[in-house]
Amino acid sequence: MAAATVPGIDAARMQELLTSLSAFGRPAGGTFASGVSRVGYSDADIAGRRFVTSLLETAGARVRVDAAGNIFADRAGAEASLPPVLFGSHIDSVPNGGNFDGDLGSLAAVEILRVLQANRVVTRRPLTAVIWACEEATFAGASLNGSRAAAGNLLAGEMQHVSGGMVKAEAIRRIGGDPARIESALIARGAYHAYLELHIEQGGTLARDGMPVGIVDGIVAVDRYEAVVTGVANHAGTTPMADRQDALLAASEMALAVREVVRGEAGAQVGTVGHMEVSPNAANVIPGEVRMSIELRDLSEAKLERLMEKIRGRAAAIARESRTEIRLTHKVHNEAAAAAVEMQRAIGAAAGKLRLDTRHLPSGAGHDAQMMATLMPMGMIFVPSARGISHSPKELTSWADCANGANVLMESVLGLAG
């Protein structure tokens, strides 16, 4: 059967699937609008994985779980020797999160297999849907847990990390993985033809512009720094204003400097001061030390380096003026992950076939796709997030947009699979 004759995925079906999955991790007595806490490796996550696995089996796929707990669903192609097309997302959530982040891409992948099975479609290449384990940074602050294992990017000793009183090795065993064989989760280069992921934008660009489909150019690089501002803790009532070496005031100037530097040139770059610890943190003591985070994101790693040099210069000036010391330490670097040009074209062709307008944009959030980009050509499809809200029960994508995204994913998969 030719790809053009495959029936589309309708909005009502996507609503049914997303609503059904939302029951796992929903607050007691809540509704779909109450959001979900389906944290990776939790009881709710296990129940949700069981539900998705049953859907995949019903779709006629051969389901397997790798050593990291990732769920793979294989569907044969006409030419078994060809590397399959891989596509999917994750179903775990942040605490008190929404029902679209990860879920949409995962359930669209499930539905694609069901539609192809129901219509006896045979693709040239085999297909593999994947549900990645614990994408969110909910276990000891580490994100992309399953896809990092598949890409060979686990940290030394990571299986012994502890979060919420649980050792990671035990967490992986809970979802059917095998930490003793974690190396076997590594995906070899060439094992798959390409990777596709459908996701909500998690920003407001598409919704603001009335654009139904986004073609992702790439996932931004992330540089995270710790700034330690050291002043002098002293009595709040007896120290004259002119004599103070207030670490918090200097830290506040640093936060403003980050905003000014990042906004000082054109582009989509962002900078955030999202964490601050004040010591001694008492109402009647001038703050003597502040530890704060500085995070920069952009597709261009050269731009991030240039922005940070400007921030270092501002830090030196603030330290002199405030008579404090400011030390900046680079803590995290996540490389940018470019979406392959041929994958962007495949998505564009699929959207064009469906008569859906598109625009290109970067992903400011991290995704499992960035791990797959180290192994194979990667592409991502975005659909609008109402008001740009995500990681919140208020996260919302219209059912029509959900269906649009699922159909663009299906047409892209069929185009790549021949």
Protein backbone atom coordinates (compact mmCIF):
# COMPACT_ATOMS: atom_id res chain seq x y z
CA MET A 1 0.00 0.00 0.00
CA ALA A 2 1.42 3.42 -0.87
CA ALA A 3 2.08 5.89 1.92
CA ALA A 4 -0.36 8.38 0.38
CA THR A 5 -3.31 6.05 1.10
CA VAL A 6 -2.67 5.74 4.83
CA PRO A 7 -5.55 7.31 6.82
CA GLY A 8 -4.66 10.30 8.95
CA ILE A 9 -4.57 10.39 12.75
CA ASP A 10 -7.54 12.36 14.07
CA ALA A 11 -7.76 14.77 16.99
CA ALA A 12 -10.31 12.66 18.87
CA ARG A 13 -7.92 9.69 18.92
CA MET A 14 -5.05 11.81 20.25
CA GLN A 15 -7.35 13.23 22.92
CA GLU A 16 -8.39 9.71 23.93
CA LEU A 17 -4.77 8.52 24.21
CA LEU A 18 -3.44 11.54 26.08
CA THR A 19 -6.40 11.57 28.47
CA SER A 20 -5.97 7.85 29.20
CA LEU A 21 -2.26 8.22 29.94
CA SER A 22 -2.94 11.19 32.22
CA ALA A 23 -4.64 8.88 34.74
CA PHE A 24 -1.20 7.58 35.79
CA GLY A 25 0.18 10.16 38.18
CA ARG A 26 -2.89 12.39 38.31
CA PRO A 27 -3.55 14.00 41.73
CA ALA A 28 -6.15 12.18 43.81
CA GLY A 29 -9.58 13.40 42.84
CA GLY A 30 -8.14 15.49 40.02
CA THR A 31 -8.95 15.79 36.34
CA PHE A 32 -6.89 16.04 33.16
CA ALA A 33 -6.51 19.77 33.85
CA SER A 34 -4.92 18.99 37.23
CA GLY A 35 -1.72 17.88 35.52
CA VAL A 36 0.42 14.90 36.40
CA SER A 37 3.37 13.82 38.56
CA ARG A 38 4.72 10.82 36.65
CA VAL A 39 8.31 11.12 37.82
CA GLY A 40 10.81 8.75 36.24
CA TYR A 41 11.17 5.37 38.00
CA SER A 42 8.14 6.07 40.24
CA ASP A 43 5.07 3.86 40.70
CA ALA A 44 3.13 6.20 38.40
CA ASP A 45 5.85 5.92 35.77
CA ILE A 46 5.79 2.12 36.00
CA ALA A 47 1.99 2.11 35.57
CA GLY A 48 2.21 4.50 32.62
CA ARG A 49 4.89 2.36 30.98
CA ARG A 50 2.69 -0.71 31.40
CA PHE A 51 -0.19 1.12 29.70
CA VAL A 52 1.95 2.25 26.76
CA THR A 53 3.49 -1.21 26.40
CA SER A 54 0.01 -2.73 26.10
CA LEU A 55 -0.83 -0.26 23.34
CA LEU A 56 2.36 -1.15 21.46
CA GLU A 57 1.66 -4.86 21.74
CA THR A 58 -1.89 -4.33 20.50
CA ALA A 59 -0.39 -2.52 17.50
CA GLY A 60 1.44 -5.74 16.60
CA ALA A 61 4.92 -4.50 17.51
CA ARG A 62 7.63 -6.63 19.08
CA VAL A 63 8.28 -4.89 22.40
CA ARG A 64 11.58 -5.09 24.26
CA VAL A 65 13.17 -3.21 27.17
CA ASP A 66 16.89 -2.47 27.09
CA ALA A 67 19.27 -2.47 30.05
CA ALA A 68 18.59 1.23 30.76
CA GLY A 69 14.82 0.72 30.85
CA ASN A 70 14.09 2.23 27.43
CA ILE A 71 11.08 0.64 25.70
CA PHE A 72 11.54 -0.25 22.02
CA ALA A 73 8.76 -1.46 19.71
CA ASP A 74 9.94 -3.00 16.45
CA ARG A 75 7.89 -3.33 13.26
CA ALA A 76 9.24 -5.31 10.32
CA GLY A 77 9.88 -3.77 6.92
CA ALA A 78 10.01 -5.29 3.47
CA GLU A 79 13.82 -5.18 3.52
CA ALA A 80 14.87 -6.51 6.91
CA SER A 81 18.56 -5.75 6.31
CA LEU A 82 17.98 -2.00 6.18
CA PRO A 83 18.49 0.06 9.36
CA PRO A 84 15.10 1.05 10.84
CA VAL A 85 13.70 4.54 11.27
CA LEU A 86 13.61 5.33 15.01
CA PHE A 87 11.02 7.72 16.47
CA GLY A 88 9.47 8.47 19.86
CA SER A 89 9.83 10.51 23.04
CA HIS A 90 9.28 10.03 26.81
CA ILE A 91 6.30 9.72 29.17
CA ASP A 92 7.87 10.71 32.51
CA SER A 93 7.09 14.18 33.84
CA VAL A 94 8.40 16.76 36.24
CA PRO A 95 6.59 16.90 39.60
CA ASN A 96 3.25 18.67 39.12
CA GLY A 97 3.78 18.84 35.37
CA GLY A 98 1.53 18.81 32.33
CA ASN A 99 0.07 16.15 30.05
CA PHE A 100 1.75 17.02 26.74
CA ASP A 101 5.51 17.26 27.39
CA GLY A 102 6.91 13.99 26.03
CA ASP A 103 3.50 12.30 26.08
CA LEU A 104 2.45 13.72 22.71
CA GLY A 105 5.50 12.41 20.84
CA SER A 106 5.32 9.04 22.56
CA LEU A 107 1.62 8.44 21.94
CA ALA A 108 1.87 9.71 18.37
CA ALA A 109 4.57 7.07 17.80
CA VAL A 110 2.30 4.43 19.30
CA GLU A 111 -0.63 5.53 17.14
CA ILE A 112 1.47 5.47 13.99
CA LEU A 113 2.25 1.80 14.55
CA ARG A 114 -1.44 1.08 15.18
CA VAL A 115 -2.57 2.88 12.02
CA LEU A 116 0.00 1.09 9.89
CA GLN A 117 -0.96 -2.25 11.41
CA ALA A 118 -4.68 -1.65 10.92
CA ASN A 119 -4.16 -0.72 7.27
CA ARG A 120 -1.62 -3.47 6.54
CA VAL A 121 0.96 -0.96 5.40
CA VAL A 122 4.39 -2.41 4.65
CA THR A 123 7.28 0.03 4.65
CA ARG A 124 10.57 -0.67 2.91
CA ARG A 125 12.60 0.01 6.04
CA PRO A 126 11.72 -1.48 9.43
CA LEU A 127 10.33 0.95 12.02
CA THR A 128 11.11 1.25 15.73
CA ALA A 129 9.15 3.35 18.20
CA VAL A 130 10.93 4.21 21.44
CA ILE A 131 9.83 5.45 24.87
CA TRP A 132 12.92 6.84 26.59
CA ALA A 133 13.36 6.33 30.34
CA CYS A 134 13.44 9.29 32.75
CA GLU A 135 14.05 12.18 30.36
CA GLU A 136 13.36 14.82 32.99
CA ALA A 137 16.03 15.85 35.51
CA THR A 138 14.20 14.22 38.41
CA PHE A 139 16.84 11.68 39.49
CA ALA A 140 19.75 13.39 41.27
CA GLY A 141 19.41 16.30 38.84
CA ALA A 142 20.44 14.19 35.83
CA SER A 143 18.30 14.41 32.70
CA LEU A 144 18.05 12.34 29.49
CA ASN A 145 18.80 9.25 31.56
CA GLY A 146 17.71 6.55 29.11
CA SER A 147 18.92 8.24 25.93
CA ARG A 148 22.28 9.10 27.53
CA ALA A 149 22.79 5.40 28.22
CA ALA A 150 21.88 4.64 24.60
CA ALA A 151 24.41 7.25 23.42
CA GLY A 152 27.15 6.06 25.79
CA ASN A 153 27.15 9.28 27.82
CA LEU A 154 26.62 8.00 31.36
CA LEU A 155 28.83 9.42 34.10
CA ALA A 156 31.39 7.34 35.95
CA GLY A 157 29.69 5.74 38.96
CA GLU A 158 26.24 6.93 37.88
CA MET A 159 24.60 3.60 38.72
CA GLN A 160 25.41 4.33 42.39
CA HIS A 161 23.93 7.83 42.45
CA VAL A 162 21.16 8.24 45.04
CA SER A 163 17.97 10.25 44.72
CA GLY A 164 15.04 10.20 47.13
CA GLY A 165 16.68 7.39 49.05
CA MET A 166 16.87 5.16 45.95
CA VAL A 167 20.08 4.01 44.27
CA LYS A 168 19.92 4.48 40.50
CA ALA A 169 20.73 0.84 39.80
CA GLU A 170 17.67 -0.17 41.79
CA ALA A 171 15.54 2.49 40.05
CA ILE A 172 16.47 1.03 36.67
CA ARG A 173 15.65 -2.49 37.87
CA ARG A 174 12.20 -1.24 38.92
CA ILE A 175 11.32 -0.42 35.32
CA GLY A 176 12.66 -3.66 33.87
CA GLY A 177 16.22 -2.60 33.07
CA ASP A 178 19.43 -4.39 33.97
CA PRO A 179 22.07 -2.06 35.46
CA ALA A 180 24.61 -4.89 35.57
CA ARG A 181 24.50 -4.87 31.75
CA ILE A 182 24.05 -1.13 31.26
CA GLU A 183 26.72 -1.03 28.54
CA SER A 184 24.48 -3.21 26.36
CA ALA A 185 22.04 -0.28 26.08
CA LEU A 186 24.53 1.52 23.82
CA ILE A 187 23.21 1.99 20.28
CA ALA A 188 25.85 1.36 17.66
CA ARG A 189 26.38 3.91 14.91
CA GLY A 190 24.54 2.77 11.82
CA ALA A 191 22.06 0.66 13.76
CA TYR A 192 19.27 3.09 12.80
CA HIS A 193 18.69 5.12 9.66
CA ALA A 194 17.53 8.28 11.45
CA TYR A 195 15.69 9.58 14.52
CA LEU A 196 12.54 11.72 14.65
CA GLU A 197 10.85 13.25 17.68
CA LEU A 198 7.56 15.13 17.94
CA HIS A 199 7.29 17.51 20.88
CA ILE A 200 5.36 20.52 22.08
CA GLU A 201 7.39 23.70 21.64
CA GLN A 202 7.39 24.59 25.37
CA GLY A 203 7.67 28.21 24.27
CA GLY A 204 5.28 30.73 22.79
CA THR A 205 6.72 31.37 19.31
CA LEU A 206 4.44 29.12 17.24
CA ALA A 207 1.30 30.00 19.19
CA ARG A 208 2.04 33.72 18.95
CA ASP A 209 2.58 33.55 15.19
CA GLY A 210 -0.35 31.21 14.50
CA MET A 211 2.04 28.66 12.98
CA PRO A 212 0.90 25.01 13.21
CA VAL A 213 4.27 23.28 12.77
CA GLY A 214 7.83 24.10 13.76
CA ILE A 215 10.88 22.54 12.13
CA VAL A 216 13.69 22.47 14.67
CA ASP A 217 17.08 23.67 13.42
CA GLY A 218 18.82 22.24 16.46
CA ILE A 219 18.89 21.97 20.23
CA VAL A 220 20.81 24.75 21.92
CA ALA A 221 24.11 24.46 23.72
CA VAL A 222 23.99 25.06 27.48
CA ASP A 223 26.71 26.58 29.62
CA ARG A 224 26.08 26.71 33.37
CA TYR A 225 28.30 28.53 35.84
CA GLU A 226 28.40 28.97 39.60
CA ALA A 227 29.14 32.46 40.82
CA VAL A 228 30.30 32.84 44.42
CA VAL A 229 30.10 36.41 45.70
CA THR A 230 32.02 36.98 48.93
CA GLY A 231 31.55 40.09 51.01
CA VAL A 232 31.61 40.69 54.78
CA ALA A 233 28.80 39.56 57.06
CA ASN A 234 28.16 42.23 59.67
CA HIS A 235 25.52 43.65 61.96
CA ALA A 236 22.61 45.16 60.02
CA GLY A 237 21.97 47.83 62.63
CA THR A 238 25.44 49.07 63.44
CA THR A 239 27.24 49.01 60.07
CA PRO A 240 26.94 52.30 58.13
CA MET A 241 25.77 51.99 54.55
CA ALA A 242 29.04 53.37 53.19
CA ASP A 243 31.06 50.73 55.05
CA ARG A 244 29.15 47.69 53.87
CA GLN A 245 30.49 44.93 51.63
CA ASP A 246 27.10 43.40 50.84
CA ALA A 247 27.36 40.16 48.87
CA LEU A 248 23.65 40.12 48.04
CA LEU A 249 23.66 43.58 46.49
CA ALA A 250 26.65 42.59 44.35
CA ALA A 251 24.90 39.35 43.38
CA SER A 252 21.79 41.32 42.43
CA GLU A 253 23.89 43.53 40.18
CA MET A 254 25.33 40.38 38.64
CA ALA A 255 21.83 39.09 37.84
CA LEU A 256 21.00 42.37 36.13
CA ALA A 257 24.32 42.27 34.27
CA VAL A 258 23.49 38.82 32.87
CA ARG A 259 20.21 40.13 31.52
CA GLU A 260 21.81 43.22 30.00
CA VAL A 261 24.65 41.32 28.35
CA VAL A 262 22.37 38.65 26.88
CA ARG A 263 19.93 41.25 25.56
CA GLY A 264 22.78 43.35 24.22
CA GLU A 265 22.93 41.65 20.82
CA ALA A 266 20.39 40.29 18.36
CA GLY A 267 19.51 36.61 18.42
CA ALA A 268 17.56 33.91 20.23
CA GLN A 269 20.09 33.47 23.06
CA VAL A 270 18.83 33.41 26.64
CA GLY A 271 20.47 33.87 30.03
CA THR A 272 19.07 32.93 33.41
CA VAL A 273 19.96 33.36 37.07
CA GLY A 274 17.67 30.72 38.53
CA HIS A 275 19.27 29.71 41.82
CA MET A 276 20.64 31.77 44.69
CA GLU A 277 21.77 30.85 48.21
CA VAL A 278 22.33 33.68 50.67
CA SER A 279 24.47 33.30 53.79
CA PRO A 280 23.88 33.71 56.65
CA ASN A 281 20.36 34.49 55.39
CA ALA A 282 19.22 36.34 58.50
CA ALA A 283 17.10 39.47 58.63
CA ASN A 284 19.53 41.36 60.88
CA VAL A 285 22.80 40.36 59.19
CA ILE A 286 24.36 41.90 56.07
CA PRO A 287 24.82 38.99 53.62
CA GLY A 288 28.41 37.79 53.59
CA GLU A 289 28.22 35.24 50.78
CA VAL A 290 25.94 34.41 47.88
CA ARG A 291 26.13 31.39 45.61
CA MET A 292 24.20 31.80 42.37
CA SER A 293 23.77 30.05 39.05
CA ILE A 294 24.29 31.65 35.64
CA GLU A 295 23.00 29.69 32.66
CA LEU A 296 23.41 30.65 29.00
CA ARG A 297 21.77 28.92 26.01
CA ASP A 298 22.11 29.35 22.25
CA LEU A 299 22.70 27.28 19.12
CA SER A 300 26.08 29.00 18.68
CA GLU A 301 28.69 27.88 21.20
CA ALA A 302 30.98 30.70 20.01
CA LYS A 303 28.27 33.21 20.95
CA LEU A 304 27.98 31.68 24.44
CA GLU A 305 31.73 32.09 24.94
CA ARG A 306 31.55 35.70 23.77
CA LEU A 307 28.65 36.51 26.09
CA MET A 308 30.42 34.93 29.05
CA GLU A 309 33.54 37.00 28.46
CA LYS A 310 31.37 40.13 28.68
CA ILE A 311 29.78 38.82 31.89
CA ARG A 312 33.25 38.19 33.36
CA GLY A 313 34.14 41.78 32.61
CA ARG A 314 30.99 43.02 34.30
CA ALA A 315 31.71 40.77 37.30
CA ALA A 316 35.16 42.28 37.73
CA ALA A 317 33.71 45.81 37.65
CA ILE A 318 30.94 44.93 40.13
CA ALA A 319 33.46 43.34 42.49
CA ARG A 320 35.62 46.49 42.47
CA GLU A 321 32.69 48.83 43.02
CA SER A 322 31.12 46.72 45.80
CA ARG A 323 34.44 45.73 47.44
CA THR A 324 33.49 42.07 47.15
CA GLU A 325 35.08 39.06 45.49
CA ILE A 326 33.26 37.29 42.64
CA ARG A 327 34.49 33.87 41.51
CA LEU A 328 32.99 32.23 38.41
CA THR A 329 33.31 28.46 37.88
CA HIS A 330 32.16 26.62 34.76
CA LYS A 331 30.02 23.67 35.93
CA VAL A 332 28.13 22.27 32.95
CA HIS A 333 28.53 22.30 29.17
CA ASN A 334 26.00 20.60 26.92
CA GLU A 335 26.96 20.76 23.27
CA ALA A 336 24.51 22.03 20.69
CA ALA A 337 22.81 19.30 18.66
CA ALA A 338 22.10 20.25 15.06
CA ALA A 339 19.11 18.77 13.29
CA ALA A 340 20.32 17.17 10.05
CA VAL A 341 19.45 19.20 6.95
CA GLU A 342 17.97 16.15 5.24
CA MET A 343 15.72 15.56 8.25
CA GLN A 344 14.52 19.16 8.20
CA ARG A 345 13.70 18.73 4.51
CA ALA A 346 11.82 15.49 5.19
CA ILE A 347 9.70 17.21 7.85
CA GLY A 348 9.09 20.17 5.55
CA ALA A 349 7.98 17.85 2.75
CA ALA A 350 5.63 15.99 5.11
CA ALA A 351 4.05 19.24 6.34
CA GLY A 352 3.74 20.47 2.77
CA LYS A 353 1.93 17.30 1.77
CA LEU A 354 -0.53 17.98 4.59
CA ARG A 355 -0.79 21.67 3.58
CA LEU A 356 0.49 22.84 6.94
CA ASP A 357 2.60 25.98 7.18
CA THR A 358 5.95 25.72 8.95
CA ARG A 359 8.67 27.87 10.39
CA HIS A 360 12.20 27.04 11.49
CA LEU A 361 13.23 27.64 15.10
CA PRO A 362 15.73 26.39 17.68
CA SER A 363 14.83 24.27 20.69
CA GLY A 364 15.73 26.10 23.88
CA ALA A 365 14.98 22.99 25.95
CA GLY A 366 16.93 19.75 26.03
CA HIS A 367 15.46 16.59 24.52
CA ASP A 368 16.40 12.94 24.02
CA ALA A 369 16.89 13.91 20.38
CA GLN A 370 20.16 15.63 21.25
CA MET A 371 21.60 12.30 22.38
CA MET A 372 20.45 10.61 19.18
CA ALA A 373 22.07 13.39 17.13
CA THR A 374 25.44 12.00 18.26
CA LEU A 375 24.60 8.65 16.61
CA MET A 376 22.44 9.33 13.55
CA PRO A 377 20.67 12.07 11.54
CA MET A 378 18.14 13.71 13.89
CA GLY A 379 15.00 15.75 13.27
CA MET A 380 12.41 17.34 15.56
CA ILE A 381 8.87 18.53 14.96
CA PHE A 382 7.30 21.17 17.21
CA VAL A 383 3.62 22.04 17.66
CA PRO A 384 2.31 25.10 19.54
CA SER A 385 2.16 25.41 23.31
CA ALA A 386 -0.70 27.68 24.38
CA ARG A 387 0.74 30.83 25.98
CA GLY A 388 4.15 29.17 25.92
CA ILE A 389 3.47 27.39 29.23
CA SER A 390 5.16 24.07 30.01
CA HIS A 391 6.25 22.03 33.06
CA SER A 392 2.94 23.06 34.59
CA PRO A 393 -0.59 21.64 34.85
CA LYS A 394 -1.56 24.60 32.62
CA GLU A 395 0.51 23.16 29.77
CA LEU A 396 -1.84 22.94 26.79
CA THR A 397 -1.75 22.09 23.09
CA SER A 398 -5.03 21.95 21.16
CA TRP A 399 -6.22 18.55 20.04
CA ALA A 400 -6.09 19.77 16.44
CA ASP A 401 -2.44 20.73 16.86
CA CYS A 402 -1.75 17.36 18.47
CA ALA A 403 -3.24 15.63 15.44
CA ASN A 404 -1.30 17.89 13.06
CA GLY A 405 1.94 16.97 14.78
CA ALA A 406 1.16 13.26 14.79
CA ASN A 407 0.36 13.35 11.07
CA VAL A 408 3.51 15.27 10.19
CA LEU A 409 5.48 12.71 12.20
CA MET A 410 3.76 9.84 10.38
CA GLU A 411 4.34 11.34 6.93
CA SER A 412 7.97 12.05 7.84
CA VAL A 413 8.48 8.47 9.05
CA LEU A 414 6.85 7.05 5.91
CA GLY A 415 8.94 9.31 3.69
CA LEU A 416 12.17 8.17 5.39
CA ALA A 417 11.10 4.53 5.51
CA GLY A 418 10.35 4.35 1.80
